[in-house]
C-alpha atoms as a PDB file:
ATOM      1  CA  MET A   1     115.895  95.550  90.657  1.00  0.00           C
ATOM      2  CA  ARG A   2     113.614  94.680  93.584  1.00  0.00           C
ATOM      3  CA  THR A   3     112.394  98.273  93.963  1.00  0.00           C
ATOM      4  CA  GLY A   4     111.562  98.521  90.263  1.00  0.00           C
ATOM      5  CA  LEU A   5     109.769  95.186  90.330  1.00  0.00           C
ATOM      6  CA  TYR A   6     107.630  96.224  93.301  1.00  0.00           C
ATOM      7  CA  LYS A   7     106.819  99.611  91.746  1.00  0.00           C
ATOM      8  CA  LEU A   8     105.713  97.899  88.545  1.00  0.00           C
ATOM      9  CA  LEU A   9     103.636  95.376  90.493  1.00  0.00           C
ATOM     10  CA  GLU A  10     101.951  98.137  92.510  1.00  0.00           C
ATOM     11  CA  TRP A  11     101.114  99.987  89.280  1.00  0.00           C
ATOM     12  CA  ILE A  12      99.634  96.814  87.742  1.00  0.00           C
ATOM     13  CA  GLU A  13      97.636  96.108  90.933  1.00  0.00           C
ATOM     14  CA  LYS A  14      96.163  99.609  90.796  1.00  0.00           C
ATOM     15  CA  GLU A  15      95.708 100.153  87.063  1.00  0.00           C
ATOM     16  CA  GLN A  16      95.359  96.671  85.535  1.00  0.00           C
ATOM     17  CA  PRO A  17      94.608  94.071  88.242  1.00  0.00           C
ATOM     18  CA  GLN A  18      93.344  91.621  85.634  1.00  0.00           C
ATOM     19  CA  ASN A  19      96.943  91.361  84.322  1.00  0.00           C
ATOM     20  CA  ILE A  20      98.705  90.410  87.578  1.00  0.00           C
ATOM     21  CA  ARG A  21      98.844  86.725  86.718  1.00  0.00           C
ATOM     22  CA  GLN A  22     100.315  87.495  83.301  1.00  0.00           C
ATOM     23  CA  PHE A  23     102.888  89.766  84.975  1.00  0.00           C
ATOM     24  CA  TRP A  24     104.084  86.972  87.290  1.00  0.00           C
ATOM     25  CA  THR A  25     104.130  84.490  84.403  1.00  0.00           C
ATOM     26  CA  CYS A  26     106.459  86.825  82.488  1.00  0.00           C
ATOM     27  CA  VAL A  27     108.674  87.527  85.507  1.00  0.00           C
ATOM     28  CA  PHE A  28     109.109  83.885  86.471  1.00  0.00           C
ATOM     29  CA  THR A  29     110.408  82.601  83.152  1.00  0.00           C
ATOM     30  CA  ASN A  30     113.414  80.263  83.284  1.00  0.00           C
ATOM     31  CA  ASN A  31     115.512  82.711  81.286  1.00  0.00           C
ATOM     32  CA  LEU A  32     114.959  85.595  83.703  1.00  0.00           C
ATOM     33  CA  MET A  33     115.391  83.439  86.794  1.00  0.00           C
ATOM     34  CA  THR A  34     118.688  82.108  85.408  1.00  0.00           C
ATOM     35  CA  HIS A  35     120.011  85.644  84.971  1.00  0.00           C
ATOM     36  CA  TYR A  36     118.527  86.956  88.231  1.00  0.00           C
ATOM     37  CA  PRO A  37     118.748  84.331  90.994  1.00  0.00           C
ATOM     38  CA  THR A  38     116.910  86.699  93.356  1.00  0.00           C
ATOM     39  CA  LEU A  39     113.765  86.078  91.295  1.00  0.00           C
ATOM     40  CA  LYS A  40     113.989  82.370  92.091  1.00  0.00           C
ATOM     41  CA  LYS A  41     114.163  83.203  95.803  1.00  0.00           C
ATOM     42  CA  LEU A  42     111.143  85.479  95.401  1.00  0.00           C
ATOM     43  CA  GLN A  43     109.176  82.776  93.593  1.00  0.00           C
ATOM     44  CA  ASP A  44     110.075  80.213  96.238  1.00  0.00           C
ATOM     45  CA  SER A  45     109.070  82.580  99.015  1.00  0.00           C
ATOM     46  CA  LEU A  46     105.698  83.228  97.419  1.00  0.00           C
ATOM     47  CA  LEU A  47     104.998  79.572  96.737  1.00  0.00           C
ATOM     48  CA  HIS A  48     106.512  78.088  99.892  1.00  0.00           C
ATOM     49  CA  VAL A  49     106.724  80.212 102.992  1.00  0.00           C
ATOM     50  CA  GLN A  50     110.313  79.701 104.137  1.00  0.00           C
ATOM     51  CA  ASN A  51     110.608  82.444 106.749  1.00  0.00           C
ATOM     52  CA  PRO A  52     111.016  80.894 110.214  1.00  0.00           C
ATOM     53  CA  ALA A  53     108.936  83.731 111.674  1.00  0.00           C
ATOM     54  CA  VAL A  54     105.917  82.532 109.674  1.00  0.00           C
ATOM     55  CA  ASP A  55     103.487  80.247 111.508  1.00  0.00           C
ATOM     56  CA  ILE A  56     102.114  77.322 109.551  1.00  0.00           C
ATOM     57  CA  VAL A  57      98.529  76.378 110.392  1.00  0.00           C
ATOM     58  CA  GLU A  58      98.929  72.844 111.741  1.00  0.00           C
ATOM     59  CA  GLY A  59      96.951  69.918 110.388  1.00  0.00           C
ATOM     60  CA  SER A  60      95.738  71.689 107.293  1.00  0.00           C
ATOM     61  CA  PRO A  61      95.370  69.797 104.016  1.00  0.00           C
ATOM     62  CA  LEU A  62      96.815  72.864 102.284  1.00  0.00           C
ATOM     63  CA  GLN A  63     100.202  73.544 103.867  1.00  0.00           C
ATOM     64  CA  ASN A  64     101.975  76.898 103.925  1.00  0.00           C
ATOM     65  CA  GLN A  65      99.282  79.044 105.440  1.00  0.00           C
ATOM     66  CA  MET A  66      99.700  82.094 107.621  1.00  0.00           C
ATOM     67  CA  THR A  67      97.331  83.639 110.108  1.00  0.00           C
ATOM     68  CA  VAL A  68      96.938  87.321 109.205  1.00  0.00           C
ATOM     69  CA  THR A  69      95.109  90.248 110.745  1.00  0.00           C
ATOM     70  CA  CYS A  70      93.897  93.603 109.577  1.00  0.00           C
ATOM     71  CA  GLY A  71      92.448  95.728 112.330  1.00  0.00           C
ATOM     72  CA  ASP A  72      90.264  93.392 114.389  1.00  0.00           C
ATOM     73  CA  GLN A  73      89.661  91.018 111.467  1.00  0.00           C
ATOM     74  CA  GLN A  74      91.563  87.707 111.320  1.00  0.00           C
ATOM     75  CA  GLY A  75      92.014  85.377 108.357  1.00  0.00           C
ATOM     76  CA  VAL A  76      94.272  82.732 106.881  1.00  0.00           C
ATOM     77  CA  LEU A  77      96.554  83.703 103.997  1.00  0.00           C
ATOM     78  CA  TYR A  78      97.550  81.088 101.395  1.00  0.00           C
ATOM     79  CA  PRO A  79     100.859  82.327  99.885  1.00  0.00           C
ATOM     80  CA  ALA A  80     100.592  80.066  96.814  1.00  0.00           C
ATOM     81  CA  LYS A  81      97.260  81.695  95.928  1.00  0.00           C
ATOM     82  CA  LEU A  82      98.730  85.158  96.549  1.00  0.00           C
ATOM     83  CA  ALA A  83     101.541  84.340  94.125  1.00  0.00           C
ATOM     84  CA  LYS A  84      98.942  83.455  91.489  1.00  0.00           C
ATOM     85  CA  ALA A  85      96.982  86.684  92.142  1.00  0.00           C
ATOM     86  CA  GLN A  86      93.957  84.720  93.312  1.00  0.00           C
ATOM     87  CA  ARG A  87      91.659  85.278  96.260  1.00  0.00           C
ATOM     88  CA  CYS A  88      94.090  84.165  98.915  1.00  0.00           C
ATOM     89  CA  ILE A  89      92.706  85.049 102.350  1.00  0.00           C
ATOM     90  CA  MET A  90      90.049  82.850 103.893  1.00  0.00           C
ATOM     91  CA  VAL A  91      87.723  84.235 106.553  1.00  0.00           C
ATOM     92  CA  GLY A  92      85.249  81.625 107.705  1.00  0.00           C
ATOM     93  CA  LYS A  93      84.228  79.921 104.472  1.00  0.00           C
ATOM     94  CA  ASN A  94      84.756  82.990 102.245  1.00  0.00           C
ATOM     95  CA  TRP A  95      87.769  83.893 100.106  1.00  0.00           C
ATOM     96  CA  PHE A  96      89.028  87.463  99.775  1.00  0.00           C
ATOM     97  CA  THR A  97      91.697  89.325  97.856  1.00  0.00           C
ATOM     98  CA  PRO A  98      94.066  91.310 100.096  1.00  0.00           C
ATOM     99  CA  SER A  99      92.238  94.541  99.170  1.00  0.00           C
ATOM    100  CA  ALA A 100      88.827  93.030  99.916  1.00  0.00           C
ATOM    101  CA  PHE A 101      90.115  91.670 103.247  1.00  0.00           C
ATOM    102  CA  GLN A 102      91.362  95.152 104.094  1.00  0.00           C
ATOM    103  CA  ASN A 103      87.936  96.577 103.216  1.00  0.00           C
ATOM    104  CA  LEU A 104      86.207  93.883 105.308  1.00  0.00           C
ATOM    105  CA  SER A 105      88.254  94.984 108.308  1.00  0.00           C
ATOM    106  CA  GLY A 106      87.079  98.581 107.937  1.00  0.00           C
ATOM    107  CA  LYS A 107      90.463  99.850 106.723  1.00  0.00           C
ATOM    108  CA  TYR A 108      89.091 100.739 103.283  1.00  0.00           C
ATOM    109  CA  LYS A 109      90.536 104.275 103.480  1.00  0.00           C
ATOM    110  CA  SER A 110      94.036 102.824 103.522  1.00  0.00           C
ATOM    111  CA  LYS A 111      94.953 101.912  99.972  1.00  0.00           C
ATOM    112  CA  LYS A 112      98.098 100.018 100.992  1.00  0.00           C
ATOM    113  CA  TRP A 113      97.078  96.481 101.942  1.00  0.00           C
ATOM    114  CA  LYS A 114     100.743  95.464 102.196  1.00  0.00           C
ATOM    115  CA  GLU A 115     100.984  97.777 105.205  1.00  0.00           C
ATOM    116  CA  SER A 116      97.523  97.099 106.686  1.00  0.00           C
ATOM    117  CA  ILE A 117      97.629  93.306 106.675  1.00  0.00           C
ATOM    118  CA  ARG A 118      99.951  91.813 109.270  1.00  0.00           C
ATOM    119  CA  HIS A 119     101.343  88.492 110.412  1.00  0.00           C
ATOM    120  CA  ASN A 120     102.740  88.479 113.973  1.00  0.00           C
ATOM    121  CA  ASP A 121     102.969  92.298 113.983  1.00  0.00           C
ATOM    122  CA  CYS A 122     104.966  92.243 110.739  1.00  0.00           C
ATOM    123  CA  THR A 123     103.413  93.762 107.619  1.00  0.00           C
ATOM    124  CA  LEU A 124     103.024  91.655 104.496  1.00  0.00           C
ATOM    125  CA  GLY A 125     105.097  94.283 102.714  1.00  0.00           C
ATOM    126  CA  LYS A 126     108.041  93.578 105.021  1.00  0.00           C
ATOM    127  CA  LEU A 127     107.584  89.821 104.683  1.00  0.00           C
ATOM    128  CA  LEU A 128     107.617  90.083 100.895  1.00  0.00           C
ATOM    129  CA  LYS A 129     110.772  92.228 100.984  1.00  0.00           C
ATOM    130  CA  VAL A 130     112.644  89.596 103.008  1.00  0.00           C
ATOM    131  CA  PHE A 131     112.903  87.466  99.908  1.00  0.00           C
END
């Protein structure tokens, strides 16, 4: 199920990015999460970073943040915003989508931000697959 879900999400990201929020709203219905407990774990992981390998930025008013890098560029990822398909990476005072952050870092030729953006030498793709 996880593979199919990620393939569908990747297709939506590429072909219909304006519908990502609607996709997650449909996936995270109570009925589906009751039948597929793994979806609840996925939702929790996106909303509340529960991986002990994830560093929380201390003293922040918005908890559950992760320092991420792409090339030489560094930013702060807000998982709750990522889960809502919002601009979720802050660099300075500016917000970026994962794709825009990847472009900012000069890695615009790579179309796979889940592989380009890293936290502690671990790709976001791998972090998302943990849950």
